[in-house]
Protein backbone atom coordinates (compact mmCIF):
# COMPACT_ATOMS: atom_id res chain seq x y z
CA MET A 1 32.38 106.38 85.57
CA ALA A 2 29.22 104.29 85.51
CA GLY A 3 27.76 103.67 82.07
CA GLU A 4 24.31 104.31 80.68
CA SER A 5 22.71 101.30 82.40
CA PHE A 6 20.90 103.59 84.84
CA ALA A 7 18.17 104.15 82.22
CA THR A 8 16.90 100.57 82.17
CA HIS A 9 13.25 101.10 83.12
CA PRO A 10 11.28 102.72 80.28
CA PHE A 11 8.30 104.92 81.05
CA ALA A 12 4.95 104.35 79.38
CA THR A 13 4.75 107.89 77.99
CA HIS A 14 8.31 108.87 77.16
CA GLU A 15 11.92 107.85 76.80
CA VAL A 16 14.48 109.35 79.18
CA SER A 17 17.31 110.98 77.28
CA ASN A 18 19.74 113.88 77.57
CA GLN A 19 20.43 113.23 81.27
CA SER A 20 23.93 112.92 82.64
CA PRO A 21 24.82 109.55 84.18
CA PRO A 22 25.20 109.37 87.98
CA PHE A 23 28.30 111.05 89.35
CA GLN A 24 30.07 108.07 90.95
CA ASP A 25 32.72 105.40 90.43
CA LEU A 26 35.58 107.75 89.67
CA ASN A 27 38.98 108.06 91.27
CA LEU A 28 38.95 111.24 93.34
CA PHE A 29 42.76 111.41 93.24
CA LEU A 30 43.60 110.50 89.66
CA SER A 31 40.76 112.66 88.28
CA ASP A 32 41.98 115.78 90.12
CA ALA A 33 45.09 117.31 88.53
CA ALA A 34 45.25 120.15 91.06
CA LEU A 35 45.26 117.74 94.00
CA GLN A 36 47.91 115.51 92.43
CA GLU A 37 50.17 118.47 91.78
CA ALA A 38 49.65 119.89 95.28
CA VAL A 39 50.67 116.56 96.78
CA ARG A 40 53.70 116.39 94.48
CA ARG A 41 54.80 119.92 95.43
CA GLU A 42 54.56 119.16 99.13
CA GLY A 43 56.81 116.15 98.84
CA VAL A 44 54.57 113.11 99.21
CA MET A 45 54.48 111.74 95.68
CA ALA A 46 56.09 108.57 97.04
CA ARG A 47 52.58 107.91 98.30
CA HIS A 48 51.02 108.33 94.85
CA GLU A 49 49.91 104.70 94.55
CA GLU A 50 48.33 104.54 98.01
CA LEU A 51 46.55 107.85 97.48
CA ALA A 52 45.29 106.62 94.10
CA ALA A 53 43.99 103.45 95.75
CA PHE A 54 42.27 105.56 98.40
CA GLY A 55 40.81 107.84 95.73
CA ALA A 56 39.19 104.87 93.98
CA VAL A 57 37.48 103.74 97.18
CA ALA A 58 36.46 107.28 98.18
CA GLY A 59 34.89 107.95 94.79
CA SER A 60 33.04 104.65 94.51
CA ALA A 61 29.27 104.41 94.17
CA GLU A 62 29.26 102.60 97.50
CA ALA A 63 31.02 105.47 99.28
CA PHE A 64 28.63 108.07 97.88
CA ASP A 65 25.68 105.90 98.86
CA LEU A 66 26.98 105.52 102.42
CA GLY A 67 27.14 109.31 102.63
CA ARG A 68 23.58 109.57 101.39
CA LEU A 69 22.29 107.04 103.90
CA ALA A 70 24.13 108.63 106.81
CA ASN A 71 22.51 111.99 106.03
CA GLU A 72 19.03 110.71 105.25
CA ASN A 73 19.02 108.83 108.58
CA PRO A 74 20.36 111.39 111.07
CA PRO A 75 21.35 110.56 114.65
CA ARG A 76 18.71 110.27 117.36
CA LEU A 77 19.01 111.19 121.04
CA ARG A 78 17.75 108.78 123.67
CA ARG A 79 17.71 110.79 126.91
CA PHE A 80 16.19 108.15 129.18
CA ASP A 81 15.94 104.39 129.39
CA GLN A 82 12.67 102.48 129.73
CA LYS A 83 12.64 102.96 133.52
CA GLY A 84 13.22 106.69 133.37
CA PHE A 85 16.91 106.72 134.26
CA PRO A 86 19.22 109.06 132.30
CA LEU A 87 20.66 107.37 129.25
CA ASP A 88 22.19 110.26 127.27
CA LEU A 89 22.83 108.06 124.27
CA VAL A 90 23.01 109.07 120.62
CA GLU A 91 22.17 106.39 118.08
CA PHE A 92 23.46 106.47 114.50
CA HIS A 93 22.56 104.68 111.29
CA PRO A 94 24.95 101.85 110.35
CA ALA A 95 26.13 103.89 107.35
CA TYR A 96 27.59 106.50 109.71
CA HIS A 97 29.55 103.87 111.58
CA GLU A 98 30.82 102.45 108.30
CA VAL A 99 32.17 105.79 107.06
CA MET A 100 33.79 106.31 110.48
CA ARG A 101 35.32 102.85 110.26
CA ARG A 102 36.80 103.61 106.84
CA SER A 103 38.25 106.95 107.94
CA PHE A 104 39.79 105.39 111.03
CA LYS A 105 41.32 102.61 108.95
CA ALA A 106 42.86 105.30 106.73
CA GLY A 107 44.27 107.08 109.81
CA LEU A 108 42.52 110.39 109.22
CA HIS A 109 42.35 110.85 113.01
CA CYS A 110 45.90 109.82 113.89
CA SER A 111 48.36 109.27 111.03
CA ALA A 112 50.13 112.60 111.63
CA TRP A 113 50.93 111.47 115.20
CA GLU A 114 51.90 107.83 114.77
CA HIS A 115 55.54 108.64 115.48
CA LEU A 116 54.46 109.07 119.11
CA LYS A 117 54.12 105.29 119.36
CA THR A 118 57.92 105.17 119.59
CA PRO A 119 59.67 107.07 122.41
CA GLY A 120 61.66 109.87 120.81
CA GLY A 121 60.14 109.15 117.41
CA LEU A 122 60.15 111.88 114.79
CA PRO A 123 57.24 112.77 112.51
CA GLU A 124 57.34 110.97 109.17
CA ASP A 125 58.00 113.39 106.35
CA GLY A 126 54.80 114.08 104.46
CA ALA A 127 52.50 112.37 106.96
CA GLN A 128 50.38 115.48 107.56
CA VAL A 129 50.05 116.33 103.87
CA ALA A 130 49.12 112.74 102.98
CA ARG A 131 46.51 112.71 105.75
CA LEU A 132 45.03 115.95 104.46
CA ALA A 133 44.92 114.64 100.89
CA ARG A 134 42.76 111.79 102.18
CA LEU A 135 40.59 114.21 104.12
CA TYR A 136 40.18 116.36 100.96
CA MET A 137 38.80 113.30 99.17
CA THR A 138 36.74 111.90 102.04
CA THR A 139 34.84 115.13 102.61
CA GLN A 140 33.50 114.83 99.07
CA THR A 141 31.49 111.72 99.94
CA GLU A 142 30.51 112.41 103.57
CA PRO A 143 31.81 115.47 105.46
CA GLY A 144 29.76 115.27 108.68
CA HIS A 145 31.62 112.36 110.29
CA LEU A 146 34.88 114.24 109.86
CA CYS A 147 33.95 116.46 112.82
CA PRO A 148 34.99 113.86 115.45
CA VAL A 149 37.78 112.63 113.18
CA THR A 150 39.25 116.13 112.95
CA MET A 151 38.85 116.82 116.66
CA THR A 152 40.53 113.55 117.64
CA ASN A 153 43.53 114.46 115.49
CA ALA A 154 43.59 118.03 116.79
CA ALA A 155 43.31 117.11 120.49
CA VAL A 156 46.71 115.43 120.67
CA PRO A 157 48.81 118.56 121.41
CA ALA A 158 46.52 119.52 124.31
CA LEU A 159 46.77 116.03 125.75
CA LEU A 160 50.56 116.18 125.50
CA THR A 161 50.60 119.13 127.91
CA GLN A 162 49.74 116.59 130.63
CA PRO A 163 52.16 113.68 130.02
CA GLU A 164 50.55 111.20 132.41
CA ILE A 165 47.15 111.65 130.73
CA ALA A 166 48.69 111.46 127.25
CA GLU A 167 50.56 108.28 128.15
CA ALA A 168 47.34 106.60 129.23
CA LEU A 169 45.30 107.72 126.23
CA LEU A 170 47.61 107.71 123.21
CA PRO A 171 47.47 103.96 122.53
CA ARG A 172 43.72 104.28 121.93
CA VAL A 173 43.92 107.67 120.20
CA LEU A 174 46.47 106.24 117.77
CA SER A 175 44.55 103.03 117.15
CA ARG A 176 43.09 102.66 113.66
CA ARG A 177 40.22 100.55 114.98
CA TYR A 178 36.93 102.41 115.21
CA ASP A 179 34.92 101.29 118.23
CA GLU A 180 31.41 102.78 118.38
CA ARG A 181 30.36 101.02 121.58
CA PHE A 182 29.24 103.10 124.57
CA ARG A 183 31.70 101.54 126.98
CA PRO A 184 34.47 102.59 129.41
CA LEU A 185 37.77 103.25 127.65
CA GLU A 186 39.40 100.21 129.22
CA GLU A 187 37.02 98.02 127.20
CA LYS A 188 37.56 99.75 123.86
CA ALA A 189 40.03 99.29 121.01
CA GLY A 190 40.04 102.94 119.95
CA MET A 191 38.60 106.29 120.97
CA THR A 192 37.35 109.63 119.69
CA LEU A 193 37.65 113.08 121.25
CA GLY A 194 35.31 116.05 120.97
CA MET A 195 35.23 119.63 122.17
CA GLY A 196 33.00 121.78 124.36
CA MET A 197 33.86 125.48 124.31
CA THR A 198 30.82 127.51 123.29
CA GLU A 199 28.23 128.73 125.80
CA LYS A 200 24.99 130.64 125.22
CA GLN A 201 26.10 133.97 126.65
CA GLY A 202 29.52 134.12 125.05
CA GLY A 203 29.78 132.26 121.78
CA THR A 204 33.15 133.21 120.30
CA ASP A 205 34.02 135.13 123.47
CA VAL A 206 34.98 132.07 125.52
CA ARG A 207 36.32 134.28 128.31
CA ALA A 208 32.65 134.92 129.11
CA ASN A 209 32.15 131.21 129.87
CA ALA A 210 30.19 130.66 133.07
CA THR A 211 30.82 126.95 133.64
CA THR A 212 32.71 126.52 136.92
CA ALA A 213 35.34 123.97 137.90
CA LYS A 214 36.13 123.24 141.55
CA PRO A 215 38.94 120.93 142.61
CA CYS A 216 37.82 117.69 144.23
CA ALA A 217 40.84 117.86 146.56
CA ALA A 218 44.18 119.40 145.67
CA ALA A 219 44.19 121.77 142.70
CA GLY A 220 46.70 121.80 139.88
CA PRO A 221 47.70 120.20 136.56
CA GLY A 222 46.37 116.68 136.12
CA ARG A 223 44.10 116.99 139.16
CA GLU A 224 40.40 116.14 139.25
CA TYR A 225 37.74 118.89 139.29
CA LEU A 226 33.94 119.00 139.27
CA LEU A 227 32.38 121.00 136.43
CA VAL A 228 28.97 122.66 136.72
CA GLY A 229 27.38 124.55 133.84
CA HIS A 230 26.38 124.09 130.23
CA LYS A 231 27.73 124.00 126.69
CA TRP A 232 25.64 125.42 123.87
CA PHE A 233 27.50 123.34 121.27
CA LEU A 234 29.06 120.04 122.30
CA SER A 235 30.62 118.73 119.14
CA ALA A 236 30.07 115.00 118.54
CA PRO A 237 28.50 114.07 121.91
CA MET A 238 29.14 110.35 121.48
CA CYS A 239 32.89 110.85 121.65
CA ASP A 240 34.67 109.02 124.44
CA ALA A 241 36.11 112.21 125.90
CA PHE A 242 36.09 115.97 125.41
CA LEU A 243 38.27 118.99 125.95
CA MET A 244 36.26 121.68 127.72
CA LEU A 245 36.85 125.18 129.03
CA ALA A 246 35.61 126.15 132.50
CA GLN A 247 36.30 128.79 135.13
CA ALA A 248 38.61 127.34 137.79
CA PRO A 249 39.68 129.36 140.84
CA GLY A 250 42.71 130.51 138.86
CA GLY A 251 40.74 131.53 135.76
CA LEU A 252 39.59 129.97 132.50
CA SER A 253 41.13 126.51 132.24
CA CYS A 254 41.10 123.46 129.97
CA PHE A 255 39.80 120.11 131.19
CA TYR A 256 39.79 116.57 129.91
CA VAL A 257 36.27 115.20 130.47
CA LEU A 258 35.48 111.49 130.04
CA ARG A 259 32.09 109.95 129.22
CA PHE A 260 32.87 107.08 131.62
CA LEU A 261 34.66 107.60 134.92
CA PRO A 262 37.55 105.37 136.03
CA ASP A 263 35.17 103.33 138.23
CA GLY A 264 33.02 102.47 135.19
CA SER A 265 30.12 104.78 136.03
CA VAL A 266 28.83 107.33 133.50
CA ASN A 267 30.07 110.89 133.95
CA PRO A 268 27.02 113.20 134.45
CA LEU A 269 27.00 114.91 131.05
CA ARG A 270 23.27 115.37 130.52
CA LEU A 271 22.47 115.82 126.84
CA GLN A 272 19.59 118.30 126.47
CA ARG A 273 18.88 117.96 122.78
CA LEU A 274 20.56 117.50 119.40
CA LYS A 275 20.94 120.60 117.26
CA GLU A 276 18.64 120.95 114.25
CA LYS A 277 21.26 122.02 111.73
CA LEU A 278 21.14 123.34 108.20
CA GLY A 279 23.64 120.70 107.09
CA ASN A 280 26.17 118.33 108.65
CA ARG A 281 23.21 116.09 109.42
CA ALA A 282 25.04 112.78 109.65
CA ASN A 283 26.98 114.16 112.60
CA ALA A 284 25.46 114.90 116.00
CA SER A 285 25.92 118.23 117.77
CA SER A 286 24.25 118.76 121.12
CA GLU A 287 23.56 120.98 124.08
CA VAL A 288 24.72 119.57 127.40
CA GLU A 289 24.46 120.32 131.11
CA LEU A 290 27.43 119.43 133.28
CA GLN A 291 25.99 118.30 136.61
CA ASN A 292 29.15 117.94 138.67
CA ALA A 293 30.89 116.28 135.75
CA HIS A 294 34.40 115.10 136.50
CA GLY A 295 37.25 116.65 134.53
CA TRP A 296 41.02 116.62 134.80
CA LEU A 297 43.00 119.84 134.39
CA LEU A 298 45.31 120.05 131.37
CA GLY A 299 48.13 122.52 132.02
CA GLU A 300 47.90 125.34 134.52
CA GLU A 301 44.77 127.00 135.86
CA GLY A 302 44.03 130.19 133.95
CA ARG A 303 45.85 128.90 130.85
CA GLY A 304 42.86 127.26 129.21
CA ILE A 305 43.00 129.15 125.93
CA ALA A 306 46.74 128.62 125.61
CA THR A 307 46.23 124.90 126.21
CA ILE A 308 43.41 124.38 123.72
CA ILE A 309 44.53 126.86 121.05
CA GLU A 310 46.60 124.31 119.14
CA MET A 311 43.54 122.10 118.87
CA VAL A 312 41.58 125.05 117.50
CA THR A 313 44.36 125.89 115.03
CA LEU A 314 44.60 122.32 113.73
CA THR A 315 40.84 122.17 113.19
CA ARG A 316 41.11 125.36 111.16
CA LEU A 317 43.63 123.68 108.87
CA ASP A 318 41.19 120.81 108.35
CA CYS A 319 38.39 123.31 107.66
CA ALA A 320 40.39 124.93 104.86
CA ILE A 321 41.35 121.59 103.29
CA ALA A 322 37.80 120.25 103.56
CA SER A 323 36.28 123.37 102.00
CA ALA A 324 38.71 123.08 99.09
CA GLY A 325 37.71 119.44 98.67
CA GLN A 326 34.02 120.31 98.74
CA MET A 327 34.62 123.03 96.15
CA ARG A 328 36.29 120.42 93.96
CA LEU A 329 33.25 118.14 94.29
CA ALA A 330 30.86 120.96 93.37
CA LEU A 331 32.95 121.83 90.31
CA ALA A 332 33.37 118.20 89.23
CA MET A 333 29.63 117.54 89.43
CA ALA A 334 28.91 120.67 87.38
CA LEU A 335 31.51 119.75 84.77
CA HIS A 336 30.24 116.19 84.58
CA HIS A 337 26.66 117.33 84.00
CA CYS A 338 27.59 120.00 81.47
CA ARG A 339 29.73 117.57 79.52
CA HIS A 340 26.72 115.25 78.99
CA ARG A 341 23.77 117.64 78.84
CA ARG A 342 22.84 119.04 75.41
CA VAL A 343 21.06 122.40 75.05
CA PHE A 344 20.42 124.17 71.73
CA GLN A 345 22.16 121.40 69.76
CA LYS A 346 25.42 121.61 71.73
CA HIS A 347 26.72 120.20 74.99
CA LEU A 348 26.55 122.76 77.78
CA VAL A 349 30.30 122.62 78.28
CA ASP A 350 30.74 123.80 74.69
CA GLN A 351 28.43 126.80 75.08
CA PRO A 352 30.68 129.90 75.38
CA MET A 353 28.83 131.45 78.30
CA MET A 354 28.71 128.21 80.30
CA ALA A 355 32.34 127.49 79.48
CA ALA A 356 33.28 130.90 80.91
CA VAL A 357 31.37 130.17 84.11
CA LEU A 358 32.89 126.72 84.55
CA ALA A 359 36.43 127.89 83.80
CA ASP A 360 36.06 130.75 86.28
CA MET A 361 34.94 128.26 88.93
CA ALA A 362 37.80 125.92 88.08
CA VAL A 363 40.32 128.71 88.63
CA ASP A 364 39.01 129.34 92.16
CA VAL A 365 39.11 125.64 93.00
CA GLU A 366 42.69 125.43 91.80
CA ALA A 367 43.64 128.50 93.85
CA ALA A 368 41.90 127.18 96.98
CA THR A 369 43.63 123.82 96.66
CA ALA A 370 47.05 125.37 96.12
CA LEU A 371 46.73 127.75 99.09
CA ALA A 372 45.29 125.10 101.42
CA PHE A 373 48.08 122.62 100.71
CA ARG A 374 50.71 125.35 100.97
CA LEU A 375 49.37 125.83 104.49
CA ALA A 376 49.58 122.07 105.06
CA ARG A 377 53.28 122.23 104.22
CA ALA A 378 53.75 125.04 106.73
CA PHE A 379 52.10 123.00 109.47
CA GLU A 380 54.28 120.03 108.65
CA ARG A 381 57.60 121.92 108.65
CA ALA A 382 57.01 124.78 111.11
CA ALA A 383 58.90 123.16 113.99
CA ALA A 384 62.15 123.07 112.01
CA ASP A 385 61.83 126.10 109.71
CA GLU A 386 61.22 129.68 110.87
CA ALA A 387 59.87 130.78 107.50
CA GLU A 388 57.31 127.97 107.55
CA ALA A 389 56.40 128.85 111.14
CA ALA A 390 55.75 132.43 110.01
CA TRP A 391 53.55 131.25 107.14
CA ARG A 392 51.65 128.98 109.52
CA ARG A 393 51.00 131.76 112.02
CA LEU A 394 49.85 134.44 109.58
CA MET A 395 48.35 132.39 106.78
CA ALA A 396 46.33 129.88 108.82
CA PRO A 397 43.56 132.40 109.58
CA VAL A 398 43.95 134.00 106.13
CA THR A 399 43.56 130.67 104.32
CA LYS A 400 40.73 129.47 106.55
CA TYR A 401 38.88 132.76 106.01
CA TRP A 402 39.23 132.91 102.24
CA VAL A 403 38.78 129.29 101.21
CA CYS A 404 35.81 128.73 103.50
CA LYS A 405 34.20 132.01 102.41
CA MET A 406 34.51 131.15 98.71
CA ALA A 407 32.99 127.70 99.03
CA PRO A 408 29.25 128.50 99.44
CA ALA A 409 29.17 130.87 96.46
CA LEU A 410 30.90 128.31 94.27
CA GLY A 411 28.56 125.57 95.48
CA TYR A 412 25.54 127.69 94.56
CA GLU A 413 26.93 128.33 91.07
CA ALA A 414 27.56 124.61 90.60
CA MET A 415 23.98 123.88 91.65
CA GLU A 416 22.72 126.37 89.08
CA CYS A 417 24.79 124.61 86.41
CA LEU A 418 22.80 121.46 87.19
CA GLY A 419 19.51 123.35 87.07
CA GLY A 420 16.54 121.69 88.73
CA ASN A 421 18.49 118.43 89.02
CA GLY A 422 20.79 120.20 91.44
CA TYR A 423 18.01 121.59 93.63
CA VAL A 424 16.27 118.33 94.49
CA GLU A 425 17.24 115.99 97.30
CA GLU A 426 17.68 112.91 95.08
CA GLY A 427 21.11 114.18 94.04
CA PRO A 428 24.12 115.21 96.15
CA ALA A 429 24.27 118.89 95.14
CA ALA A 430 21.59 120.12 97.56
CA ARG A 431 23.17 118.25 100.49
CA LEU A 432 26.57 119.65 99.56
CA TYR A 433 25.16 123.19 99.38
CA ARG A 434 23.80 122.89 102.91
CA GLU A 435 27.19 121.70 104.11
CA LEU A 436 29.31 124.40 102.50
CA PRO A 437 28.68 127.27 104.98
CA LEU A 438 29.76 125.21 108.00
CA ASN A 439 33.53 125.54 107.82
CA ALA A 440 33.33 129.33 107.61
CA ILE A 441 31.46 129.30 110.94
CA TRP A 442 33.10 126.43 112.83
CA GLU A 443 36.19 127.30 114.89
CA GLY A 444 36.19 130.96 114.03
CA SER A 445 33.91 132.98 111.78
CA GLY A 446 35.23 135.44 109.21
CA ASN A 447 35.60 138.35 111.62
CA VAL A 448 37.39 136.15 114.15
CA MET A 449 39.88 135.09 111.49
CA CYS A 450 40.49 138.73 110.57
CA LEU A 451 41.05 139.63 114.21
CA ASP A 452 43.58 136.81 114.46
CA VAL A 453 45.43 138.29 111.48
CA LEU A 454 45.45 141.72 113.12
CA ARG A 455 46.78 140.11 116.30
CA VAL A 456 49.67 138.56 114.38
CA ARG A 457 50.39 141.91 112.76
CA ALA A 458 50.55 143.58 116.18
CA GLN A 459 52.54 140.88 117.97
CA ASP A 460 54.84 139.39 115.34
CA VAL A 461 55.95 141.91 112.73
CA ALA A 462 58.78 139.56 111.74
CA ALA A 463 56.32 136.83 110.73
CA VAL A 464 54.39 139.26 108.53
CA GLU A 465 57.57 140.45 106.86
CA THR A 466 58.72 136.87 106.28
CA VAL A 467 55.51 136.04 104.47
CA LEU A 468 55.61 139.25 102.44
CA ALA A 469 59.18 138.49 101.44
CA GLU A 470 58.08 135.14 100.02
CA LEU A 471 55.29 136.87 98.15
CA ASP A 472 57.75 139.48 96.86
CA ALA A 473 59.84 136.70 95.33
CA ALA A 474 56.76 135.13 93.74
CA ALA A 475 55.62 138.49 92.32
CA ARG A 476 58.91 139.55 90.78
CA GLY A 477 58.38 140.58 87.15
CA GLU A 478 54.57 140.48 87.33
CA PRO A 479 53.25 144.08 87.60
CA ARG A 480 49.79 143.10 88.84
CA LEU A 481 51.19 141.00 91.68
CA GLU A 482 53.70 143.71 92.55
CA ALA A 483 50.88 146.26 92.69
CA ALA A 484 48.84 144.01 94.97
CA LEU A 485 51.77 143.71 97.34
CA ALA A 486 52.24 147.47 97.35
CA ASP A 487 48.58 147.80 98.27
CA LEU A 488 49.02 145.33 101.14
CA ARG A 489 52.02 147.25 102.50
CA ALA A 490 50.08 150.51 102.31
CA LEU A 491 47.28 149.00 104.35
CA LEU A 492 49.74 147.71 106.96
CA ALA A 493 51.28 151.19 107.21
CA ASP A 494 47.94 152.67 108.30
CA PRO A 495 47.07 150.74 111.49
CA GLY A 496 44.45 153.29 112.52
CA SER A 497 42.10 152.24 109.73
CA LEU A 498 43.20 148.62 109.37
CA GLU A 499 40.62 147.06 111.68
CA GLY A 500 37.73 148.57 109.75
CA ARG A 501 39.31 147.33 106.51
CA ALA A 502 40.50 144.00 107.90
CA ARG A 503 38.35 141.91 105.57
CA HIS A 504 39.66 143.79 102.56
CA PHE A 505 43.23 143.24 103.76
CA VAL A 506 42.77 139.53 104.47
CA GLU A 507 41.06 138.83 101.16
CA ARG A 508 43.70 140.83 99.29
CA LEU A 509 46.45 138.90 101.06
CA ALA A 510 44.81 135.55 100.31
CA ARG A 511 44.31 136.34 96.62
CA THR A 512 47.85 137.68 96.30
CA ALA A 513 49.34 134.58 97.93
CA ALA A 514 47.21 132.28 95.77
CA ALA A 515 48.18 134.20 92.64
CA GLY A 516 51.85 133.82 93.50
CA LEU A 517 51.45 130.08 94.00
CA LEU A 518 49.56 129.64 90.73
CA ARG A 519 52.08 131.74 88.84
CA ALA A 520 54.89 129.49 90.06
CA GLN A 521 53.12 126.15 89.89
CA ALA A 522 50.02 126.05 87.70
CA PRO A 523 49.63 126.15 83.91
CA SER A 524 49.82 129.66 82.51
CA SER A 525 46.16 129.53 81.44
CA VAL A 526 45.07 129.03 85.07
CA ALA A 527 47.50 131.55 86.56
CA GLU A 528 46.66 134.25 84.04
CA ALA A 529 42.91 133.79 84.46
CA PHE A 530 43.23 134.06 88.24
CA ILE A 531 45.51 137.10 88.21
CA ALA A 532 43.39 138.89 85.61
CA GLY A 533 40.12 138.10 87.37
CA ARG A 534 41.12 138.53 91.01
CA LEU A 535 43.93 141.08 91.16
CA ASP A 536 43.71 143.20 88.02
CA GLY A 537 41.00 145.82 88.49
CA ALA A 538 37.80 145.51 90.51
CA PHE A 539 37.17 142.01 91.79
CA ARG A 540 33.74 140.62 90.89
CA HIS A 541 31.70 138.09 92.83
CA THR A 542 29.67 136.48 90.02
CA TYR A 543 31.27 133.63 88.10
CA GLY A 544 31.71 134.27 84.41
CA ALA A 545 31.10 138.01 84.74
CA GLY A 546 34.68 139.20 85.00
CA GLY A 547 35.10 139.93 81.33
CA GLN A 548 38.73 138.82 81.35
CA VAL A 549 40.19 136.93 78.40
CA ALA A 550 40.94 133.39 79.50
CA ASP A 551 41.83 130.17 77.74
CA CYS A 552 38.61 128.46 78.85
CA ARG A 553 39.21 125.29 76.89
CA ALA A 554 42.65 124.64 78.44
CA ILE A 555 41.32 125.32 81.92
CA LEU A 556 38.32 123.02 81.43
CA GLU A 557 40.35 120.18 79.92
CA ARG A 558 42.54 120.26 83.01
CA ALA A 559 39.60 120.32 85.44
CA LEU A 560 37.29 117.81 83.76
CA PRO A 561 36.88 114.43 85.47
CA PRO A 562 37.24 111.40 83.16
CA ALA A 563 34.50 110.94 80.57
CA ALA A 564 31.92 108.22 81.16
């Protein structure tokens, strides 16, 4: 951590004292015991040194300052050039391009797919988990730019449904060179992909999309269509290409839409405005009109949702990991401040009430991290392991729901720990607080996640039973966990009332799964505090108000970042 040299300019009327030093220059990997253990459990500790090196860079003062600059200087839309012709260009501050460059160099957009460079290549063991560990750290310094990074990674399965398109694009998708230039793909070293699904009249209900797609000549997979309509949210409009849903003659279909056409002309995607967002300000989101925009069909007509669903699912995994990482940042900043700040002759961290609040927060961060990386393992191994495939199918919406829902409340509590210093824009806490609600909304709000869980329950009883069997094994000998599982089975046995109680079921399932993981993997102080506070009796929503007996000191010593 940086030393006390920040207080070098004395004021004429007073001396500055009792302020915590800036939160910067720490290793986001080596200072996070829960992250290190999650990575070890999921089999990528061979990458410990490279992750530690990445953690040092991600936690540097320079990285935090780049994040600040990218958010204080948001993107700007230039709709027309000086002669009045459409330009549809989004300009970013250099800090944004630098954080993109760093994430591309680290492979956050492609490292899980680099085996595709070799015909018949197999995924490298641990590649997905290692990528997500980097994403968990990167989101702590600047989360907004991860929108196009995540979407580029997640678009690969949809592209693979059309082999000739994938063959042409993958060399640039898999390139670790970030190329921000507004140029045809043939002139670029790398590329990014975005997504356009949402329309004004439908929102989550994409089957209500009104954008039409008519074939230019022959219809069918890989063929060219003309798209007419609008998108209410076009994520990252300066991407080189997008996956979009539109109504073809055969029904809702998925299209690959370039910014530049093969002849070098600009595809008519007319950007209407950039969204004025609560957070995520470094990243651009826009509204767009498609004025006979050219798109190429991926898969069959009428199979648009089936084609794009894997992209949606992969973005949900990133949402859960990123929210866990942001929770860790909120906790670490609160701990750092409370360790240095003295109130009533004692450091805040040594005040019993504050210690209870911080320890309670630390337990949730540990649980979120454990559950999110357990899901990462399922994604990595699902193709070869039926039990992991079952966990992936059921627990992806459960984990995304629960982790992303917890994050804003924890971020608020962390801000309160910092007091007024947390509420002002000079520090990172206010920016983080604005960011925290996003992942619960993006790619499926809470109710959508619950409906996905109900869909799995209706369509794949075997997957549900496989997950419950794993939880049974984790609960054996722990009465509170066994009672939680009995409650879950009782809810499943009453399908008539399950939809109305879906949120209760999903939250209960998430907490039970997290409790099982902590019981097996975390120190007993952490596991006991979580089980007592989240499963035993009525669950409370205010940190430090549970009344359970917990070893606060052991929990805090584990969670504390290194002392300055």
